[in-house]
């Protein structure tokens, strides 16, 4: 995945939110994806200082779903004080994973239940040493 498109991010957001406590309409996911991509542009990393509190709240929600992550950098100023810079980063592998989620996986992720029907038939056979 070279460039994260608005469609890619919309699907990842919709799938990540749908598998949590509340479903998100595609239009709402699109609006959030558009807002996030306006901050990132063509970059994978932005500085936290540019965010307003409501934007930061949305970023924390996306961090909870694994779409975004944070990192910080520490540097020493000329007067000897330490300065921390906080960044937000896309997690491309998680975005790719979420946007390719099929409905069956989506339902299983939402319910938190294991689907025994997907196990092969021979799994139920007892071994001779049992």
Protein backbone atom coordinates (compact mmCIF):
# COMPACT_ATOMS: atom_id res chain seq x y z
CA UNK A 1 0.00 0.00 0.00
CA UNK A 2 1.82 3.11 -1.20
CA UNK A 3 -0.74 5.90 -0.70
CA UNK A 4 -3.65 5.65 1.69
CA UNK A 5 -6.72 6.74 -0.23
CA UNK A 6 -9.90 8.13 1.25
CA UNK A 7 -11.73 4.96 0.20
CA UNK A 8 -9.12 2.76 1.93
CA UNK A 9 -9.27 4.73 5.15
CA UNK A 10 -13.08 4.94 5.06
CA UNK A 11 -13.36 1.15 4.82
CA UNK A 12 -10.77 0.64 7.58
CA UNK A 13 -12.56 3.09 9.88
CA UNK A 14 -16.00 1.61 9.14
CA UNK A 15 -14.76 -1.94 9.75
CA UNK A 16 -12.90 -1.04 12.93
CA UNK A 17 -15.81 0.89 14.41
CA UNK A 18 -18.41 -1.71 13.35
CA UNK A 19 -16.49 -4.38 15.22
CA UNK A 20 -16.55 -2.31 18.38
CA UNK A 21 -19.49 -1.15 20.43
CA UNK A 22 -21.34 1.04 17.93
CA UNK A 23 -21.81 0.87 14.18
CA UNK A 24 -20.73 3.80 12.03
CA UNK A 25 -22.49 4.80 8.84
CA UNK A 26 -20.31 4.91 5.73
CA UNK A 27 -20.90 8.66 5.32
CA UNK A 28 -19.73 9.29 8.88
CA UNK A 29 -16.65 7.08 8.31
CA UNK A 30 -15.96 8.96 5.06
CA UNK A 31 -16.15 12.33 6.83
CA UNK A 32 -13.73 11.13 9.52
CA UNK A 33 -11.36 9.69 6.91
CA UNK A 34 -11.46 12.97 4.99
CA UNK A 35 -10.73 14.96 8.16
CA UNK A 36 -7.80 12.70 9.10
CA UNK A 37 -6.31 12.72 5.60
CA UNK A 38 -6.48 16.52 5.56
CA UNK A 39 -4.03 16.49 8.46
CA UNK A 40 -1.71 13.85 7.04
CA UNK A 41 -1.71 14.78 3.35
CA UNK A 42 0.86 12.51 1.70
CA UNK A 43 2.80 11.95 4.91
CA UNK A 44 2.63 9.05 7.35
CA UNK A 45 3.46 11.21 10.36
CA UNK A 46 2.15 14.49 11.75
CA UNK A 47 2.98 16.50 14.84
CA UNK A 48 0.39 16.42 17.63
CA UNK A 49 0.57 20.19 18.24
CA UNK A 50 -1.52 20.96 15.15
CA UNK A 51 -4.59 19.15 16.52
CA UNK A 52 -7.54 20.79 18.24
CA UNK A 53 -9.06 18.90 21.19
CA UNK A 54 -11.98 17.42 19.18
CA UNK A 55 -9.56 16.27 16.47
CA UNK A 56 -7.30 14.71 19.09
CA UNK A 57 -10.31 12.83 20.50
CA UNK A 58 -10.98 11.35 17.04
CA UNK A 59 -7.30 10.40 16.75
CA UNK A 60 -7.44 8.62 20.13
CA UNK A 61 -10.48 6.68 18.91
CA UNK A 62 -8.53 5.64 15.79
CA UNK A 63 -5.57 4.71 17.99
CA UNK A 64 -7.86 2.41 20.00
CA UNK A 65 -8.86 0.65 16.77
CA UNK A 66 -5.22 0.33 15.70
CA UNK A 67 -5.40 2.66 12.69
CA UNK A 68 -3.12 5.26 14.27
CA UNK A 69 -0.28 5.07 16.74
CA UNK A 70 1.87 7.60 18.53
CA UNK A 71 5.53 8.14 19.01
CA UNK A 72 7.57 10.78 20.71
CA UNK A 73 10.95 12.28 20.20
CA UNK A 74 13.02 13.92 22.89
CA UNK A 75 15.62 16.55 22.25
CA UNK A 76 17.74 18.80 24.43
CA UNK A 77 17.28 22.54 23.99
CA UNK A 78 20.19 24.99 24.02
CA UNK A 79 19.49 25.90 27.65
CA UNK A 80 19.66 22.23 28.69
CA UNK A 81 15.92 21.57 29.04
CA UNK A 82 14.41 18.43 27.54
CA UNK A 83 11.74 18.94 24.90
CA UNK A 84 9.26 16.24 23.86
CA UNK A 85 7.60 16.22 20.47
CA UNK A 86 4.61 13.93 20.03
CA UNK A 87 3.64 12.50 16.63
CA UNK A 88 0.73 10.56 15.15
CA UNK A 89 1.49 7.83 12.61
CA UNK A 90 -0.57 5.67 10.27
CA UNK A 91 -0.36 1.92 10.88
CA UNK A 92 -0.49 0.83 7.26
CA UNK A 93 -0.56 -2.90 7.99
CA UNK A 94 -3.58 -2.48 10.30
CA UNK A 95 -5.37 -0.24 7.79
CA UNK A 96 -4.82 -2.85 5.08
CA UNK A 97 -6.03 -5.61 7.40
CA UNK A 98 -9.18 -3.67 8.36
CA UNK A 99 -10.11 -2.56 4.86
CA UNK A 100 -9.94 -6.16 3.61
CA UNK A 101 -12.09 -7.60 6.41
CA UNK A 102 -14.83 -9.83 4.97
CA UNK A 103 -18.33 -9.80 6.53
CA UNK A 104 -17.90 -13.20 8.25
CA UNK A 105 -14.68 -12.07 9.94
CA UNK A 106 -16.37 -8.80 10.78
CA UNK A 107 -19.28 -10.53 12.54
CA UNK A 108 -16.93 -12.87 14.43
CA UNK A 109 -14.79 -9.95 15.54
CA UNK A 110 -17.88 -8.07 16.69
CA UNK A 111 -19.28 -10.98 18.68
CA UNK A 112 -15.95 -12.12 20.08
CA UNK A 113 -17.03 -15.73 19.56
CA UNK A 114 -15.05 -18.52 17.95
CA UNK A 115 -16.66 -20.21 14.92
CA UNK A 116 -16.26 -23.96 15.46
CA UNK A 117 -17.82 -24.57 12.04
CA UNK A 118 -14.60 -23.45 10.37
CA UNK A 119 -12.56 -26.23 11.98
CA UNK A 120 -11.74 -29.23 9.77
CA UNK A 121 -13.77 -32.40 10.42
CA UNK A 122 -10.74 -34.45 11.49
CA UNK A 123 -10.15 -32.13 14.44
CA UNK A 124 -12.95 -33.94 16.29
CA UNK A 125 -11.35 -37.37 15.92
CA UNK A 126 -9.63 -38.76 18.98
CA UNK A 127 -6.13 -39.98 18.55
CA UNK A 128 -5.21 -43.61 19.32
CA UNK A 129 -3.02 -42.47 22.23
CA UNK A 130 -5.90 -40.68 23.99
